Amino acid sequence: MRELILLRHAHADPAVPGEADLDRPLSADGHAEAEAAARWLQQQRLIPDCVLCSPARRTRETLEIVLATLGYVDQRLEPAVYEASAGTLAALVDAHRELDRLLLVGHNPGLERLAALMHSGQSGDYRGMPPAGIAVLEFGAEAPIEPGAATLSAFWWP
């Protein structure tokens, strides 16, 4: 069974005048949320083989906190994750289909729509994914990465 773990970045500070959205840091609450997410992933033994992370500061900081608990894994900054549609994210996942467990650290609405698309087959059928929320999707060993091909095995948020 292959697994896709979707992790939305934790709460970030609002942008200050002149600050690019990409540069927004985690808030104090966000740090605590990311630590809680890391503990949950560790307790569930959901250690990824590889991580694809948006280049936004808040996603990178979320990932750094998570990996401080989980330990080092192969990680790649993937510019396409930032502001990505569910279709773009699905294509990224499909390009890494040889992995047993992939962690994708990104943003809404892309992550919540990807979870809905992979599980129900419709990207509009989503309920929301809170900051530092985690969705775990399972695909059969030979299942294609396509709408409706996954089972939502876990959903957690701090």
Protein backbone atom coordinates (compact mmCIF):
# COMPACT_ATOMS: atom_id res chain seq x y z
CA MET A 1 0.00 0.00 0.00
CA ARG A 2 1.41 3.40 -0.98
CA GLU A 3 0.65 6.39 1.22
CA LEU A 4 0.39 10.08 0.51
CA ILE A 5 0.53 12.36 3.55
CA LEU A 6 -0.76 15.87 3.05
CA LEU A 7 0.34 18.45 5.64
CA ARG A 8 -0.98 21.97 5.49
CA HIS A 9 1.40 24.56 6.92
CA ALA A 10 0.68 25.70 10.46
CA HIS A 11 -0.70 29.16 11.31
CA ALA A 12 1.39 32.00 9.91
CA ASP A 13 1.67 35.62 10.88
CA PRO A 14 -0.27 38.01 8.65
CA ALA A 15 1.80 39.78 6.04
CA VAL A 16 3.22 43.10 7.10
CA PRO A 17 3.16 45.98 4.61
CA GLY A 18 5.62 45.32 1.84
CA GLU A 19 6.15 41.66 2.79
CA ALA A 20 5.65 39.05 0.09
CA ASP A 21 3.22 36.24 0.86
CA LEU A 22 6.07 33.76 0.33
CA ASP A 23 7.96 35.35 3.24
CA ARG A 24 5.29 35.06 5.95
CA PRO A 25 6.71 33.21 9.01
CA LEU A 26 4.89 30.88 11.37
CA SER A 27 3.20 32.48 14.35
CA ALA A 28 3.82 31.31 17.91
CA ASP A 29 0.62 29.26 17.66
CA GLY A 30 1.88 27.86 14.38
CA HIS A 31 5.08 26.61 16.01
CA ALA A 32 3.01 24.76 18.63
CA GLU A 33 0.72 23.32 15.93
CA ALA A 34 3.68 22.08 13.88
CA GLU A 35 5.16 20.42 16.97
CA ALA A 36 1.81 18.71 17.64
CA ALA A 37 1.65 17.54 14.01
CA ALA A 38 5.17 16.14 14.30
CA ARG A 39 4.27 14.21 17.46
CA TRP A 40 1.14 12.79 15.81
CA LEU A 41 3.08 11.67 12.73
CA GLN A 42 5.69 10.05 14.96
CA GLN A 43 3.06 8.29 17.10
CA GLN A 44 1.40 6.94 13.95
CA ARG A 45 4.82 5.89 12.60
CA LEU A 46 4.20 7.90 9.44
CA ILE A 47 7.80 8.58 8.46
CA PRO A 48 7.96 9.59 4.79
CA ASP A 49 10.48 8.34 2.26
CA CYS A 50 10.53 11.80 0.67
CA VAL A 51 9.04 15.25 1.24
CA LEU A 52 7.95 17.76 -1.38
CA CYS A 53 7.58 21.21 0.19
CA SER A 54 6.38 24.55 -1.07
CA PRO A 55 9.10 27.20 -1.03
CA ALA A 56 6.99 29.51 1.17
CA ARG A 57 8.64 30.33 4.49
CA ARG A 58 5.66 29.05 6.53
CA THR A 59 5.76 25.63 4.84
CA ARG A 60 9.54 25.37 5.21
CA GLU A 61 9.31 26.28 8.90
CA THR A 62 6.50 23.74 9.42
CA LEU A 63 8.64 21.07 7.77
CA GLU A 64 11.73 21.97 9.81
CA ILE A 65 9.76 21.53 13.03
CA VAL A 66 8.29 18.23 11.86
CA LEU A 67 11.66 16.84 10.80
CA ALA A 68 13.22 17.88 14.12
CA THR A 69 10.96 15.19 15.61
CA LEU A 70 10.86 12.64 12.80
CA GLY A 71 14.50 12.83 11.81
CA TYR A 72 16.08 13.52 8.44
CA VAL A 73 14.37 12.34 5.28
CA ASP A 74 14.94 13.21 1.63
CA GLN A 75 13.34 16.62 1.10
CA ARG A 76 12.89 18.82 -1.92
CA LEU A 77 11.62 22.36 -2.27
CA GLU A 78 9.09 22.21 -5.07
CA PRO A 79 8.03 25.63 -6.43
CA ALA A 80 4.99 24.10 -8.16
CA VAL A 81 3.39 23.33 -4.75
CA TYR A 82 2.90 27.03 -3.99
CA GLU A 83 -0.58 28.14 -5.15
CA ALA A 84 -1.03 24.79 -6.93
CA SER A 85 -4.33 23.38 -8.10
CA ALA A 86 -5.38 19.86 -7.20
CA GLY A 87 -4.45 18.77 -10.72
CA THR A 88 -0.93 20.19 -10.45
CA LEU A 89 -0.45 18.48 -7.09
CA ALA A 90 -1.77 15.18 -8.46
CA ALA A 91 0.76 15.37 -11.30
CA LEU A 92 3.58 15.98 -8.78
CA VAL A 93 2.46 12.99 -6.73
CA ASP A 94 2.23 10.85 -9.87
CA ALA A 95 5.81 11.80 -10.76
CA HIS A 96 6.86 10.23 -7.43
CA ARG A 97 4.66 7.15 -7.59
CA GLU A 98 7.62 4.81 -7.01
CA LEU A 99 7.80 5.95 -3.36
CA ASP A 100 6.06 4.00 -0.62
CA ARG A 101 5.27 7.10 1.44
CA LEU A 102 5.36 10.70 0.21
CA LEU A 103 4.76 13.78 2.37
CA LEU A 104 3.49 16.88 0.62
CA VAL A 105 3.71 20.14 2.64
CA GLY A 106 1.66 22.91 1.14
CA HIS A 107 -1.33 25.20 1.16
CA ASN A 108 -5.08 25.40 0.80
CA PRO A 109 -7.15 25.26 -1.22
CA GLY A 110 -4.86 22.94 -3.21
CA LEU A 111 -4.30 20.34 -0.46
CA GLU A 112 -7.92 20.03 0.62
CA ARG A 113 -9.03 19.78 -3.00
CA LEU A 114 -6.37 17.15 -3.72
CA ALA A 115 -7.55 15.08 -0.75
CA ALA A 116 -11.14 15.28 -1.98
CA LEU A 117 -10.16 14.51 -5.58
CA MET A 118 -8.10 11.44 -4.69
CA HIS A 119 -10.70 10.14 -2.23
CA SER A 120 -14.09 11.01 -3.73
CA GLY A 121 -13.15 11.79 -7.30
CA GLN A 122 -14.34 15.41 -7.13
CA SER A 123 -12.17 18.34 -6.13
CA GLY A 124 -15.22 20.43 -5.20
CA ASP A 125 -16.24 17.85 -2.58
CA TYR A 126 -13.98 19.12 0.19
CA ARG A 127 -14.68 20.05 3.79
CA GLY A 128 -11.60 22.05 4.66
CA MET A 129 -8.16 21.39 6.03
CA PRO A 130 -7.15 23.50 9.02
CA PRO A 131 -3.63 24.83 9.57
CA ALA A 132 -1.26 21.97 10.45
CA GLY A 133 -3.98 19.52 9.41
CA ILE A 134 -2.89 16.14 8.09
CA ALA A 135 -4.68 13.87 5.62
CA VAL A 136 -3.34 10.38 4.93
CA LEU A 137 -4.39 8.77 1.66
CA GLU A 138 -3.69 5.15 0.80
CA PHE A 139 -3.32 3.87 -2.75
CA GLY A 140 -3.10 0.23 -3.78
CA ALA A 141 0.37 -0.94 -4.78
CA GLU A 142 -0.41 -0.73 -8.48
CA ALA A 143 -3.23 1.82 -8.33
CA PRO A 144 -2.87 4.84 -10.57
CA ILE A 145 -2.74 8.32 -9.09
CA GLU A 146 -6.13 9.45 -10.33
CA PRO A 147 -9.44 10.77 -9.00
CA GLY A 148 -11.16 8.38 -6.62
CA ALA A 149 -8.21 5.97 -6.42
CA ALA A 150 -7.36 6.54 -2.74
CA THR A 151 -8.80 5.73 0.64
CA LEU A 152 -8.67 8.41 3.32
CA SER A 153 -7.14 6.43 6.19
CA ALA A 154 -6.60 9.29 8.65
CA PHE A 155 -7.42 12.95 9.13
CA TRP A 156 -5.94 14.88 12.04
CA TRP A 157 -5.58 18.49 13.14
CA PRO A 158 -4.27 20.19 16.27
